[in-house]
Amino acid sequence: MAFNTNQQKNLIAFEGHDCKQITIDDKTTTFANIKQEYIAWAPVPANRQIPNKAFFQIFIKESGEISIPFTTDRKNIKLFAQGKTPGSMGKEIPFVIKKNYLKIKVTEDNSNRWLYLTGSVE
């Protein structure tokens, strides 16, 4: 397991196996409704970002309802599964952002592959 928090102690990146939540400094963050075999998310490092392209990456090796702590100032946000070749854009995936959480329903179609959030900087 690995994680990262910001200055306000909010969870901003995570990687773990066989889990659905984490407790850091007595604050529990539940990110899945069932244990996930493998789950990871993190911002794309600034030196790897292309303007108005992927800025956040997610990998989930399971199905379920996922709620990732998330805030952004970006506009026109979309979520895509990686295509057949690394770095290519595949199918768009529906999601909602509610109360500073990115909520995704992960199915067999979009699990076990990288997911990328894209959005414009205005």
PDB file of N, CA and C in Angstrom:
ATOM      1  N   MET A   1       0.845  -1.170   0.000  1.00  0.00           N
ATOM      2  CA  MET A   1       0.000   0.000   0.000  1.00  0.00           C
ATOM      3  C   MET A   1       0.890   1.231   0.000  1.00  0.00           C
ATOM      4  N   ALA A   2       0.437   2.236  -0.724  1.00  0.00           N
ATOM      5  CA  ALA A   2       1.106   3.532  -0.749  1.00  0.00           C
ATOM      6  C   ALA A   2       0.030   4.605  -0.869  1.00  0.00           C
ATOM      7  N   PHE A   3       0.303   5.779  -0.308  1.00  0.00           N
ATOM      8  CA  PHE A   3      -0.654   6.873  -0.417  1.00  0.00           C
ATOM      9  C   PHE A   3       0.082   8.193  -0.330  1.00  0.00           C
ATOM     10  N   ASN A   4      -0.627   9.249  -0.713  1.00  0.00           N
ATOM     11  CA  ASN A   4      -0.089  10.597  -0.598  1.00  0.00           C
ATOM     12  C   ASN A   4      -1.235  11.519  -0.199  1.00  0.00           C
ATOM     13  N   THR A   5      -0.928  12.499   0.632  1.00  0.00           N
ATOM     14  CA  THR A   5      -1.917  13.484   1.051  1.00  0.00           C
ATOM     15  C   THR A   5      -1.403  14.878   0.702  1.00  0.00           C
ATOM     16  N   ASN A   6      -2.328  15.829   0.645  1.00  0.00           N
ATOM     17  CA  ASN A   6      -1.928  17.216   0.422  1.00  0.00           C
ATOM     18  C   ASN A   6      -1.683  17.896   1.765  1.00  0.00           C
ATOM     19  N   GLN A   7      -1.450  19.208   1.749  1.00  0.00           N
ATOM     20  CA  GLN A   7      -1.158  19.941   2.980  1.00  0.00           C
ATOM     21  C   GLN A   7      -2.320  19.928   3.966  1.00  0.00           C
ATOM     22  N   GLN A   8      -3.549  19.756   3.460  1.00  0.00           N
ATOM     23  CA  GLN A   8      -4.723  19.704   4.334  1.00  0.00           C
ATOM     24  C   GLN A   8      -5.000  18.282   4.832  1.00  0.00           C
ATOM     25  N   LYS A   9      -4.089  17.360   4.541  1.00  0.00           N
ATOM     26  CA  LYS A   9      -4.192  15.946   4.962  1.00  0.00           C
ATOM     27  C   LYS A   9      -5.292  15.197   4.225  1.00  0.00           C
ATOM     28  N   ASN A  10      -5.697  15.702   3.035  1.00  0.00           N
ATOM     29  CA  ASN A  10      -6.668  14.995   2.211  1.00  0.00           C
ATOM     30  C   ASN A  10      -5.944  14.010   1.307  1.00  0.00           C
ATOM     31  N   LEU A  11      -6.524  12.848   1.132  1.00  0.00           N
ATOM     32  CA  LEU A  11      -5.948  11.804   0.299  1.00  0.00           C
ATOM     33  C   LEU A  11      -5.987  12.235  -1.165  1.00  0.00           C
ATOM     34  N   ILE A  12      -4.823  12.264  -1.847  1.00  0.00           N
ATOM     35  CA  ILE A  12      -4.778  12.671  -3.249  1.00  0.00           C
ATOM     36  C   ILE A  12      -4.239  11.576  -4.163  1.00  0.00           C
ATOM     37  N   ALA A  13      -3.638  10.534  -3.592  1.00  0.00           N
ATOM     38  CA  ALA A  13      -3.128   9.421  -4.397  1.00  0.00           C
ATOM     39  C   ALA A  13      -3.123   8.174  -3.519  1.00  0.00           C
ATOM     40  N   PHE A  14      -3.329   7.022  -4.156  1.00  0.00           N
ATOM     41  CA  PHE A  14      -3.425   5.775  -3.397  1.00  0.00           C
ATOM     42  C   PHE A  14      -3.094   4.602  -4.304  1.00  0.00           C
ATOM     43  N   GLU A  15      -2.515   3.569  -3.712  1.00  0.00           N
ATOM     44  CA  GLU A  15      -2.327   2.281  -4.376  1.00  0.00           C
ATOM     45  C   GLU A  15      -2.456   1.209  -3.305  1.00  0.00           C
ATOM     46  N   GLY A  16      -3.304   0.194  -3.574  1.00  0.00           N
ATOM     47  CA  GLY A  16      -3.474  -0.853  -2.585  1.00  0.00           C
ATOM     48  C   GLY A  16      -4.095  -2.109  -3.166  1.00  0.00           C
ATOM     49  N   HIS A  17      -3.962  -3.196  -2.416  1.00  0.00           N
ATOM     50  CA  HIS A  17      -4.498  -4.503  -2.784  1.00  0.00           C
ATOM     51  C   HIS A  17      -5.504  -4.953  -1.729  1.00  0.00           C
ATOM     52  N   ASP A  18      -6.561  -5.638  -2.160  1.00  0.00           N
ATOM     53  CA  ASP A  18      -7.551  -6.229  -1.261  1.00  0.00           C
ATOM     54  C   ASP A  18      -8.048  -5.238  -0.206  1.00  0.00           C
ATOM     55  N   CYS A  19      -8.539  -4.106  -0.689  1.00  0.00           N
ATOM     56  CA  CYS A  19      -8.990  -3.067   0.234  1.00  0.00           C
ATOM     57  C   CYS A  19     -10.158  -2.292  -0.362  1.00  0.00           C
ATOM     58  N   LYS A  20     -10.852  -1.566   0.506  1.00  0.00           N
ATOM     59  CA  LYS A  20     -11.933  -0.686   0.068  1.00  0.00           C
ATOM     60  C   LYS A  20     -11.914   0.654   0.792  1.00  0.00           C
ATOM     61  N   GLN A  21     -10.983   0.813   1.727  1.00  0.00           N
ATOM     62  CA  GLN A  21     -10.873   2.058   2.476  1.00  0.00           C
ATOM     63  C   GLN A  21      -9.499   2.154   3.111  1.00  0.00           C
ATOM     64  N   ILE A  22      -9.184   3.340   3.587  1.00  0.00           N
ATOM     65  CA  ILE A  22      -7.930   3.565   4.300  1.00  0.00           C
ATOM     66  C   ILE A  22      -8.198   4.560   5.422  1.00  0.00           C
ATOM     67  N   THR A  23      -7.520   4.391   6.539  1.00  0.00           N
ATOM     68  CA  THR A  23      -7.593   5.335   7.641  1.00  0.00           C
ATOM     69  C   THR A  23      -6.214   5.950   7.832  1.00  0.00           C
ATOM     70  N   ILE A  24      -6.167   7.281   7.748  1.00  0.00           N
ATOM     71  CA  ILE A  24      -4.930   8.033   7.919  1.00  0.00           C
ATOM     72  C   ILE A  24      -5.192   9.082   8.978  1.00  0.00           C
ATOM     73  N   ASP A  25      -4.399   9.070  10.035  1.00  0.00           N
ATOM     74  CA  ASP A  25      -4.564  10.044  11.128  1.00  0.00           C
ATOM     75  C   ASP A  25      -6.011  10.113  11.605  1.00  0.00           C
ATOM     76  N   ASP A  26      -6.604   8.963  11.854  1.00  0.00           N
ATOM     77  CA  ASP A  26      -7.971   8.837  12.365  1.00  0.00           C
ATOM     78  C   ASP A  26      -9.054   9.302  11.389  1.00  0.00           C
ATOM     79  N   LYS A  27      -8.704   9.543  10.130  1.00  0.00           N
ATOM     80  CA  LYS A  27      -9.685   9.922   9.111  1.00  0.00           C
ATOM     81  C   LYS A  27      -9.806   8.770   8.117  1.00  0.00           C
ATOM     82  N   THR A  28     -11.012   8.168   8.057  1.00  0.00           N
ATOM     83  CA  THR A  28     -11.243   7.038   7.155  1.00  0.00           C
ATOM     84  C   THR A  28     -11.816   7.539   5.839  1.00  0.00           C
ATOM     85  N   THR A  29     -11.212   7.093   4.750  1.00  0.00           N
ATOM     86  CA  THR A  29     -11.709   7.369   3.409  1.00  0.00           C
ATOM     87  C   THR A  29     -12.129   6.044   2.797  1.00  0.00           C
ATOM     88  N   THR A  30     -13.419   5.891   2.526  1.00  0.00           N
ATOM     89  CA  THR A  30     -13.946   4.698   1.872  1.00  0.00           C
ATOM     90  C   THR A  30     -14.047   5.007   0.390  1.00  0.00           C
ATOM     91  N   PHE A  31     -13.363   4.212  -0.435  1.00  0.00           N
ATOM     92  CA  PHE A  31     -13.327   4.490  -1.867  1.00  0.00           C
ATOM     93  C   PHE A  31     -13.982   3.417  -2.714  1.00  0.00           C
ATOM     94  N   ALA A  32     -14.494   2.358  -2.104  1.00  0.00           N
ATOM     95  CA  ALA A  32     -15.173   1.307  -2.875  1.00  0.00           C
ATOM     96  C   ALA A  32     -16.232   0.644  -2.010  1.00  0.00           C
ATOM     97  N   ASN A  33     -17.268   0.122  -2.670  1.00  0.00           N
ATOM     98  CA  ASN A  33     -18.322  -0.555  -1.916  1.00  0.00           C
ATOM     99  C   ASN A  33     -17.958  -1.997  -1.591  1.00  0.00           C
ATOM    100  N   ILE A  34     -16.986  -2.565  -2.307  1.00  0.00           N
ATOM    101  CA  ILE A  34     -16.474  -3.905  -2.009  1.00  0.00           C
ATOM    102  C   ILE A  34     -14.954  -3.875  -2.103  1.00  0.00           C
ATOM    103  N   LYS A  35     -14.298  -4.831  -1.457  1.00  0.00           N
ATOM    104  CA  LYS A  35     -12.840  -4.900  -1.536  1.00  0.00           C
ATOM    105  C   LYS A  35     -12.394  -5.000  -2.981  1.00  0.00           C
ATOM    106  N   GLN A  36     -11.383  -4.238  -3.301  1.00  0.00           N
ATOM    107  CA  GLN A  36     -10.816  -4.222  -4.635  1.00  0.00           C
ATOM    108  C   GLN A  36      -9.525  -5.032  -4.653  1.00  0.00           C
ATOM    109  N   GLU A  37      -9.409  -5.927  -5.626  1.00  0.00           N
ATOM    110  CA  GLU A  37      -8.181  -6.726  -5.752  1.00  0.00           C
ATOM    111  C   GLU A  37      -6.974  -5.793  -5.888  1.00  0.00           C
ATOM    112  N   TYR A  38      -7.115  -4.755  -6.716  1.00  0.00           N
ATOM    113  CA  TYR A  38      -6.066  -3.753  -6.883  1.00  0.00           C
ATOM    114  C   TYR A  38      -6.731  -2.446  -7.296  1.00  0.00           C
ATOM    115  N   ILE A  39      -6.307  -1.352  -6.679  1.00  0.00           N
ATOM    116  CA  ILE A  39      -6.837  -0.034  -7.027  1.00  0.00           C
ATOM    117  C   ILE A  39      -5.721   0.990  -6.838  1.00  0.00           C
ATOM    118  N   ALA A  40      -5.642   1.912  -7.793  1.00  0.00           N
ATOM    119  CA  ALA A  40      -4.638   2.970  -7.702  1.00  0.00           C
ATOM    120  C   ALA A  40      -5.169   4.213  -8.402  1.00  0.00           C
ATOM    121  N   TRP A  41      -4.793   5.376  -7.897  1.00  0.00           N
ATOM    122  CA  TRP A  41      -5.105   6.629  -8.568  1.00  0.00           C
ATOM    123  C   TRP A  41      -4.087   7.674  -8.154  1.00  0.00           C
ATOM    124  N   ALA A  42      -3.855   8.614  -9.063  1.00  0.00           N
ATOM    125  CA  ALA A  42      -2.914   9.703  -8.787  1.00  0.00           C
ATOM    126  C   ALA A  42      -3.012  10.744  -9.891  1.00  0.00           C
ATOM    127  N   PRO A  43      -2.653  11.964  -9.574  1.00  0.00           N
ATOM    128  CA  PRO A  43      -2.536  12.962 -10.640  1.00  0.00           C
ATOM    129  C   PRO A  43      -1.402  12.553 -11.585  1.00  0.00           C
ATOM    130  N   VAL A  44      -1.555  12.852 -12.857  1.00  0.00           N
ATOM    131  CA  VAL A  44      -0.459  12.654 -13.797  1.00  0.00           C
ATOM    132  C   VAL A  44       0.605  13.699 -13.447  1.00  0.00           C
ATOM    133  N   PRO A  45       1.873  13.294 -13.296  1.00  0.00           N
ATOM    134  CA  PRO A  45       2.912  14.279 -12.971  1.00  0.00           C
ATOM    135  C   PRO A  45       2.925  15.421 -13.990  1.00  0.00           C
ATOM    136  N   ALA A  46       3.128  16.632 -13.506  1.00  0.00           N
ATOM    137  CA  ALA A  46       3.065  17.825 -14.359  1.00  0.00           C
ATOM    138  C   ALA A  46       3.983  17.717 -15.575  1.00  0.00           C
ATOM    139  N   ASN A  47       5.157  17.109 -15.414  1.00  0.00           N
ATOM    140  CA  ASN A  47       6.088  17.025 -16.543  1.00  0.00           C
ATOM    141  C   ASN A  47       5.659  15.999 -17.593  1.00  0.00           C
ATOM    142  N   ARG A  48       4.591  15.229 -17.329  1.00  0.00           N
ATOM    143  CA  ARG A  48       4.057  14.277 -18.303  1.00  0.00           C
ATOM    144  C   ARG A  48       2.733  14.734 -18.899  1.00  0.00           C
ATOM    145  N   GLN A  49       2.205  15.847 -18.415  1.00  0.00           N
ATOM    146  CA  GLN A  49       0.905  16.321 -18.902  1.00  0.00           C
ATOM    147  C   GLN A  49       1.046  17.064 -20.216  1.00  0.00           C
ATOM    148  N   ILE A  50       0.045  16.885 -21.063  1.00  0.00           N
ATOM    149  CA  ILE A  50      -0.091  17.633 -22.308  1.00  0.00           C
ATOM    150  C   ILE A  50      -1.296  18.544 -22.105  1.00  0.00           C
ATOM    151  N   PRO A  51      -1.182  19.826 -22.446  1.00  0.00           N
ATOM    152  CA  PRO A  51      -2.311  20.741 -22.206  1.00  0.00           C
ATOM    153  C   PRO A  51      -3.640  20.183 -22.721  1.00  0.00           C
ATOM    154  N   ASN A  52      -4.656  20.274 -21.859  1.00  0.00           N
ATOM    155  CA  ASN A  52      -6.026  19.857 -22.167  1.00  0.00           C
ATOM    156  C   ASN A  52      -6.165  18.356 -22.422  1.00  0.00           C
ATOM    157  N   LYS A  53      -5.226  17.567 -21.963  1.00  0.00           N
ATOM    158  CA  LYS A  53      -5.289  16.105 -22.093  1.00  0.00           C
ATOM    159  C   LYS A  53      -5.312  15.494 -20.692  1.00  0.00           C
ATOM    160  N   ALA A  54      -4.874  14.248 -20.562  1.00  0.00           N
ATOM    161  CA  ALA A  54      -4.964  13.530 -19.289  1.00  0.00           C
ATOM    162  C   ALA A  54      -4.213  14.260 -18.172  1.00  0.00           C
ATOM    163  N   PHE A  55      -4.902  14.404 -17.033  1.00  0.00           N
ATOM    164  CA  PHE A  55      -4.283  15.024 -15.864  1.00  0.00           C
ATOM    165  C   PHE A  55      -4.442  14.170 -14.602  1.00  0.00           C
ATOM    166  N   PHE A  56      -5.179  13.058 -14.707  1.00  0.00           N
ATOM    167  CA  PHE A  56      -5.418  12.182 -13.556  1.00  0.00           C
ATOM    168  C   PHE A  56      -5.576  10.771 -14.087  1.00  0.00           C
ATOM    169  N   GLN A  57      -4.961   9.795 -13.388  1.00  0.00           N
ATOM    170  CA  GLN A  57      -5.004   8.409 -13.849  1.00  0.00           C
ATOM    171  C   GLN A  57      -5.511   7.480 -12.751  1.00  0.00           C
ATOM    172  N   ILE A  58      -6.225   6.439 -13.184  1.00  0.00           N
ATOM    173  CA  ILE A  58      -6.871   5.501 -12.267  1.00  0.00           C
ATOM    174  C   ILE A  58      -6.695   4.090 -12.831  1.00  0.00           C
ATOM    175  N   PHE A  59      -6.453   3.122 -11.940  1.00  0.00           N
ATOM    176  CA  PHE A  59      -6.421   1.721 -12.358  1.00  0.00           C
ATOM    177  C   PHE A  59      -7.203   0.918 -11.325  1.00  0.00           C
ATOM    178  N   ILE A  60      -8.165   0.120 -11.798  1.00  0.00           N
ATOM    179  CA  ILE A  60      -8.991  -0.681 -10.905  1.00  0.00           C
ATOM    180  C   ILE A  60      -9.073  -2.090 -11.479  1.00  0.00           C
ATOM    181  N   LYS A  61      -8.727  -3.072 -10.655  1.00  0.00           N
ATOM    182  CA  LYS A  61      -8.770  -4.461 -11.105  1.00  0.00           C
ATOM    183  C   LYS A  61      -9.882  -5.189 -10.344  1.00  0.00           C
ATOM    184  N   GLU A  62     -11.097  -4.783 -10.624  1.00  0.00           N
ATOM    185  CA  GLU A  62     -12.270  -5.345  -9.950  1.00  0.00           C
ATOM    186  C   GLU A  62     -13.479  -4.609 -10.499  1.00  0.00           C
ATOM    187  N   SER A  63     -14.654  -4.993 -10.122  1.00  0.00           N
ATOM    188  CA  SER A  63     -15.873  -4.256 -10.442  1.00  0.00           C
ATOM    189  C   SER A  63     -16.394  -3.636  -9.158  1.00  0.00           C
ATOM    190  N   GLY A  64     -17.272  -2.662  -9.290  1.00  0.00           N
ATOM    191  CA  GLY A  64     -17.872  -2.063  -8.108  1.00  0.00           C
ATOM    192  C   GLY A  64     -18.098  -0.584  -8.264  1.00  0.00           C
ATOM    193  N   GLU A  65     -18.595   0.012  -7.200  1.00  0.00           N
ATOM    194  CA  GLU A  65     -18.839   1.442  -7.161  1.00  0.00           C
ATOM    195  C   GLU A  65     -17.659   2.107  -6.470  1.00  0.00           C
ATOM    196  N   ILE A  66     -16.984   2.973  -7.209  1.00  0.00           N
ATOM    197  CA  ILE A  66     -15.754   3.598  -6.743  1.00  0.00           C
ATOM    198  C   ILE A  66     -16.004   5.074  -6.475  1.00  0.00           C
ATOM    199  N   SER A  67     -15.478   5.579  -5.359  1.00  0.00           N
ATOM    200  CA  SER A  67     -15.586   6.993  -4.983  1.00  0.00           C
ATOM    201  C   SER A  67     -14.196   7.482  -4.602  1.00  0.00           C
ATOM    202  N   ILE A  68     -13.569   8.208  -5.509  1.00  0.00           N
ATOM    203  CA  ILE A  68     -12.203   8.679  -5.304  1.00  0.00           C
ATOM    204  C   ILE A  68     -12.236  10.139  -4.869  1.00  0.00           C
ATOM    205  N   PRO A  69     -11.548  10.483  -3.764  1.00  0.00           N
ATOM    206  CA  PRO A  69     -11.484  11.891  -3.372  1.00  0.00           C
ATOM    207  C   PRO A  69     -10.907  12.707  -4.532  1.00  0.00           C
ATOM    208  N   PHE A  70     -11.582  13.810  -4.891  1.00  0.00           N
ATOM    209  CA  PHE A  70     -11.188  14.497  -6.107  1.00  0.00           C
ATOM    210  C   PHE A  70     -11.714  15.922  -6.147  1.00  0.00           C
ATOM    211  N   THR A  71     -10.839  16.858  -6.461  1.00  0.00           N
ATOM    212  CA  THR A  71     -11.227  18.242  -6.744  1.00  0.00           C
ATOM    213  C   THR A  71     -10.381  18.739  -7.910  1.00  0.00           C
ATOM    214  N   THR A  72     -10.944  19.617  -8.698  1.00  0.00           N
ATOM    215  CA  THR A  72     -10.215  20.201  -9.817  1.00  0.00           C
ATOM    216  C   THR A  72     -10.865  21.502 -10.247  1.00  0.00           C
ATOM    217  N   ASP A  73     -10.065  22.328 -10.895  1.00  0.00           N
ATOM    218  CA  ASP A  73     -10.571  23.553 -11.509  1.00  0.00           C
ATOM    219  C   ASP A  73     -10.758  23.363 -13.013  1.00  0.00           C
ATOM    220  N   ARG A  74     -10.433  22.198 -13.534  1.00  0.00           N
ATOM    221  CA  ARG A  74     -10.537  21.942 -14.976  1.00  0.00           C
ATOM    222  C   ARG A  74     -11.998  21.944 -15.419  1.00  0.00           C
ATOM    223  N   LYS A  75     -12.193  22.235 -16.682  1.00  0.00           N
ATOM    224  CA  LYS A  75     -13.529  22.280 -17.291  1.00  0.00           C
ATOM    225  C   LYS A  75     -13.649  21.174 -18.328  1.00  0.00           C
ATOM    226  N   ASN A  76     -14.875  20.871 -18.715  1.00  0.00           N
ATOM    227  CA  ASN A  76     -15.143  19.868 -19.757  1.00  0.00           C
ATOM    228  C   ASN A  76     -14.453  18.530 -19.457  1.00  0.00           C
ATOM    229  N   ILE A  77     -14.602  18.079 -18.242  1.00  0.00           N
ATOM    230  CA  ILE A  77     -13.920  16.851 -17.808  1.00  0.00           C
ATOM    231  C   ILE A  77     -14.607  15.628 -18.414  1.00  0.00           C
ATOM    232  N   LYS A  78     -13.766  14.712 -18.897  1.00  0.00           N
ATOM    233  CA  LYS A  78     -14.243  13.435 -19.433  1.00  0.00           C
ATOM    234  C   LYS A  78     -13.332  12.335 -18.910  1.00  0.00           C
ATOM    235  N   LEU A  79     -13.890  11.125 -18.832  1.00  0.00           N
ATOM    236  CA  LEU A  79     -13.143   9.961 -18.372  1.00  0.00           C
ATOM    237  C   LEU A  79     -13.096   8.942 -19.508  1.00  0.00           C
ATOM    238  N   PHE A  80     -11.885   8.478 -19.808  1.00  0.00           N
ATOM    239  CA  PHE A  80     -11.694   7.513 -20.885  1.00  0.00           C
ATOM    240  C   PHE A  80     -10.910   6.313 -20.387  1.00  0.00           C
ATOM    241  N   ALA A  81     -11.262   5.143 -20.904  1.00  0.00           N
ATOM    242  CA  ALA A  81     -10.437   3.950 -20.710  1.00  0.00           C
ATOM    243  C   ALA A  81      -9.307   4.015 -21.726  1.00  0.00           C
ATOM    244  N   GLN A  82      -8.177   3.446 -21.359  1.00  0.00           N
ATOM    245  CA  GLN A  82      -7.091   3.357 -22.330  1.00  0.00           C
ATOM    246  C   GLN A  82      -7.517   2.442 -23.468  1.00  0.00           C
ATOM    247  N   GLY A  83      -7.101   2.774 -24.668  1.00  0.00           N
ATOM    248  CA  GLY A  83      -7.425   1.965 -25.833  1.00  0.00           C
ATOM    249  C   GLY A  83      -6.563   0.709 -25.893  1.00  0.00           C
ATOM    250  N   LYS A  84      -6.561   0.076 -27.044  1.00  0.00           N
ATOM    251  CA  LYS A  84      -5.851  -1.193 -27.212  1.00  0.00           C
ATOM    252  C   LYS A  84      -4.344  -1.058 -27.135  1.00  0.00           C
ATOM    253  N   THR A  85      -3.820   0.116 -27.455  1.00  0.00           N
ATOM    254  CA  THR A  85      -2.380   0.327 -27.343  1.00  0.00           C
ATOM    255  C   THR A  85      -2.116   1.361 -26.259  1.00  0.00           C
ATOM    256  N   PRO A  86      -1.008   1.206 -25.510  1.00  0.00           N
ATOM    257  CA  PRO A  86      -0.710   2.154 -24.434  1.00  0.00           C
ATOM    258  C   PRO A  86      -0.713   3.600 -24.941  1.00  0.00           C
ATOM    259  N   GLY A  87      -1.377   4.443 -24.184  1.00  0.00           N
ATOM    260  CA  GLY A  87      -1.449   5.856 -24.520  1.00  0.00           C
ATOM    261  C   GLY A  87      -2.576   6.231 -25.463  1.00  0.00           C
ATOM    262  N   SER A  88      -3.276   5.234 -26.014  1.00  0.00           N
ATOM    263  CA  SER A  88      -4.366   5.543 -26.926  1.00  0.00           C
ATOM    264  C   SER A  88      -5.665   5.730 -26.140  1.00  0.00           C
ATOM    265  N   MET A  89      -6.590   6.473 -26.723  1.00  0.00           N
ATOM    266  CA  MET A  89      -7.855   6.758 -26.070  1.00  0.00           C
ATOM    267  C   MET A  89      -8.896   5.738 -26.503  1.00  0.00           C
ATOM    268  N   GLY A  90      -9.535   5.131 -25.540  1.00  0.00           N
ATOM    269  CA  GLY A  90     -10.589   4.168 -25.813  1.00  0.00           C
ATOM    270  C   GLY A  90     -11.951   4.750 -25.503  1.00  0.00           C
ATOM    271  N   LYS A  91     -12.810   3.913 -24.996  1.00  0.00           N
ATOM    272  CA  LYS A  91     -14.209   4.241 -24.729  1.00  0.00           C
ATOM    273  C   LYS A  91     -14.349   5.283 -23.612  1.00  0.00           C
ATOM    274  N   GLU A  92     -15.290   6.217 -23.807  1.00  0.00           N
ATOM    275  CA  GLU A  92     -15.607   7.179 -22.751  1.00  0.00           C
ATOM    276  C   GLU A  92     -16.442   6.484 -21.682  1.00  0.00           C
ATOM    277  N   ILE A  93     -16.187   6.816 -20.428  1.00  0.00           N
ATOM    278  CA  ILE A  93     -16.837   6.170 -19.290  1.00  0.00           C
ATOM    279  C   ILE A  93     -17.640   7.211 -18.513  1.00  0.00           C
ATOM    280  N   PRO A  94     -18.903   6.913 -18.213  1.00  0.00           N
ATOM    281  CA  PRO A  94     -19.699   7.873 -17.432  1.00  0.00           C
ATOM    282  C   PRO A  94     -19.209   7.965 -15.982  1.00  0.00           C
ATOM    283  N   PHE A  95     -19.369   9.131 -15.405  1.00  0.00           N
ATOM    284  CA  PHE A  95     -18.984   9.375 -14.018  1.00  0.00           C
ATOM    285  C   PHE A  95     -19.738  10.595 -13.523  1.00  0.00           C
ATOM    286  N   VAL A  96     -19.690  10.831 -12.224  1.00  0.00           N
ATOM    287  CA  VAL A  96     -20.193  12.071 -11.637  1.00  0.00           C
ATOM    288  C   VAL A  96     -19.183  12.553 -10.610  1.00  0.00           C
ATOM    289  N   ILE A  97     -19.174  13.842 -10.381  1.00  0.00           N
ATOM    290  CA  ILE A  97     -18.390  14.414  -9.291  1.00  0.00           C
ATOM    291  C   ILE A  97     -19.396  14.948  -8.294  1.00  0.00           C
ATOM    292  N   LYS A  98     -19.337  14.405  -7.076  1.00  0.00           N
ATOM    293  CA  LYS A  98     -20.314  14.767  -6.050  1.00  0.00           C
ATOM    294  C   LYS A  98     -19.606  14.891  -4.710  1.00  0.00           C
ATOM    295  N   LYS A  99     -19.759  16.038  -4.071  1.00  0.00           N
ATOM    296  CA  LYS A  99     -19.174  16.286  -2.755  1.00  0.00           C
ATOM    297  C   LYS A  99     -17.685  15.944  -2.722  1.00  0.00           C
ATOM    298  N   ASN A 100     -16.943  16.447  -3.711  1.00  0.00           N
ATOM    299  CA  ASN A 100     -15.494  16.255  -3.810  1.00  0.00           C
ATOM    300  C   ASN A 100     -15.074  14.800  -3.960  1.00  0.00           C
ATOM    301  N   TYR A 101     -15.924  14.005  -4.589  1.00  0.00           N
ATOM    302  CA  TYR A 101     -15.595  12.617  -4.933  1.00  0.00           C
ATOM    303  C   TYR A 101     -15.922  12.367  -6.395  1.00  0.00           C
ATOM    304  N   LEU A 102     -15.032  11.687  -7.072  1.00  0.00           N
ATOM    305  CA  LEU A 102     -15.259  11.207  -8.425  1.00  0.00           C
ATOM    306  C   LEU A 102     -15.894   9.835  -8.287  1.00  0.00           C
ATOM    307  N   LYS A 103     -17.106   9.674  -8.802  1.00  0.00           N
ATOM    308  CA  LYS A 103     -17.842   8.424  -8.628  1.00  0.00           C
ATOM    309  C   LYS A 103     -17.951   7.714  -9.975  1.00  0.00           C
ATOM    310  N   ILE A 104     -17.487   6.453  -9.971  1.00  0.00           N
ATOM    311  CA  ILE A 104     -17.444   5.640 -11.184  1.00  0.00           C
ATOM    312  C   ILE A 104     -18.045   4.280 -10.883  1.00  0.00           C
ATOM    313  N   LYS A 105     -18.844   3.770 -11.798  1.00  0.00           N
ATOM    314  CA  LYS A 105     -19.298   2.385 -11.697  1.00  0.00           C
ATOM    315  C   LYS A 105     -18.366   1.571 -12.605  1.00  0.00           C
ATOM    316  N   VAL A 106     -17.560   0.736 -11.993  1.00  0.00           N
ATOM    317  CA  VAL A 106     -16.583  -0.054 -12.736  1.00  0.00           C
ATOM    318  C   VAL A 106     -17.183  -1.420 -13.055  1.00  0.00           C
ATOM    319  N   THR A 107     -17.090  -1.784 -14.324  1.00  0.00           N
ATOM    320  CA  THR A 107     -17.611  -3.057 -14.809  1.00  0.00           C
ATOM    321  C   THR A 107     -16.474  -3.829 -15.476  1.00  0.00           C
ATOM    322  N   GLU A 108     -16.778  -5.031 -15.953  1.00  0.00           N
ATOM    323  CA  GLU A 108     -15.771  -5.815 -16.668  1.00  0.00           C
ATOM    324  C   GLU A 108     -15.222  -5.057 -17.870  1.00  0.00           C
ATOM    325  N   ASP A 109     -16.059  -4.233 -18.509  1.00  0.00           N
ATOM    326  CA  ASP A 109     -15.636  -3.481 -19.697  1.00  0.00           C
ATOM    327  C   ASP A 109     -14.559  -2.446 -19.411  1.00  0.00           C
ATOM    328  N   ASN A 110     -14.575  -1.863 -18.216  1.00  0.00           N
ATOM    329  CA  ASN A 110     -13.604  -0.809 -17.945  1.00  0.00           C
ATOM    330  C   ASN A 110     -12.680  -1.112 -16.766  1.00  0.00           C
ATOM    331  N   SER A 111     -12.669  -2.337 -16.282  1.00  0.00           N
ATOM    332  CA  SER A 111     -11.727  -2.700 -15.220  1.00  0.00           C
ATOM    333  C   SER A 111     -10.465  -3.293 -15.834  1.00  0.00           C
ATOM    334  N   ASN A 112      -9.437  -3.381 -15.024  1.00  0.00           N
ATOM    335  CA  ASN A 112      -8.159  -3.981 -15.409  1.00  0.00           C
ATOM    336  C   ASN A 112      -7.505  -3.234 -16.571  1.00  0.00           C
ATOM    337  N   ARG A 113      -7.674  -1.917 -16.563  1.00  0.00           N
ATOM    338  CA  ARG A 113      -7.020  -1.060 -17.561  1.00  0.00           C
ATOM    339  C   ARG A 113      -6.914   0.352 -16.984  1.00  0.00           C
ATOM    340  N   TRP A 114      -6.020   1.135 -17.525  1.00  0.00           N
ATOM    341  CA  TRP A 114      -5.892   2.513 -17.080  1.00  0.00           C
ATOM    342  C   TRP A 114      -7.089   3.330 -17.533  1.00  0.00           C
ATOM    343  N   LEU A 115      -7.529   4.207 -16.654  1.00  0.00           N
ATOM    344  CA  LEU A 115      -8.565   5.188 -16.949  1.00  0.00           C
ATOM    345  C   LEU A 115      -7.921   6.562 -16.789  1.00  0.00           C
ATOM    346  N   TYR A 116      -8.286   7.480 -17.679  1.00  0.00           N
ATOM    347  CA  TYR A 116      -7.693   8.806 -17.657  1.00  0.00           C
ATOM    348  C   TYR A 116      -8.760   9.879 -17.661  1.00  0.00           C
ATOM    349  N   LEU A 117      -8.600  10.880 -16.790  1.00  0.00           N
ATOM    350  CA  LEU A 117      -9.449  12.059 -16.813  1.00  0.00           C
ATOM    351  C   LEU A 117      -8.774  13.114 -17.674  1.00  0.00           C
ATOM    352  N   THR A 118      -9.556  13.692 -18.569  1.00  0.00           N
ATOM    353  CA  THR A 118      -9.070  14.792 -19.390  1.00  0.00           C
ATOM    354  C   THR A 118      -9.903  16.018 -19.078  1.00  0.00           C
ATOM    355  N   GLY A 119      -9.364  17.177 -19.355  1.00  0.00           N
ATOM    356  CA  GLY A 119     -10.103  18.405 -19.134  1.00  0.00           C
ATOM    357  C   GLY A 119      -9.305  19.597 -19.562  1.00  0.00           C
ATOM    358  N   SER A 120     -10.001  20.685 -19.803  1.00  0.00           N
ATOM    359  CA  SER A 120      -9.335  21.899 -20.279  1.00  0.00           C
ATOM    360  C   SER A 120      -8.978  22.809 -19.113  1.00  0.00           C
ATOM    361  N   VAL A 121      -7.882  23.510 -19.292  1.00  0.00           N
ATOM    362  CA  VAL A 121      -7.436  24.509 -18.333  1.00  0.00           C
ATOM    363  C   VAL A 121      -7.878  25.861 -18.878  1.00  0.00           C
ATOM    364  N   GLU A 122      -8.658  26.575 -18.110  1.00  0.00           N
ATOM    365  CA  GLU A 122      -9.140  27.884 -18.592  1.00  0.00           C
ATOM    366  C   GLU A 122      -8.698  28.978 -17.684  1.00  0.00           C
TER     367      GLU A 122
END
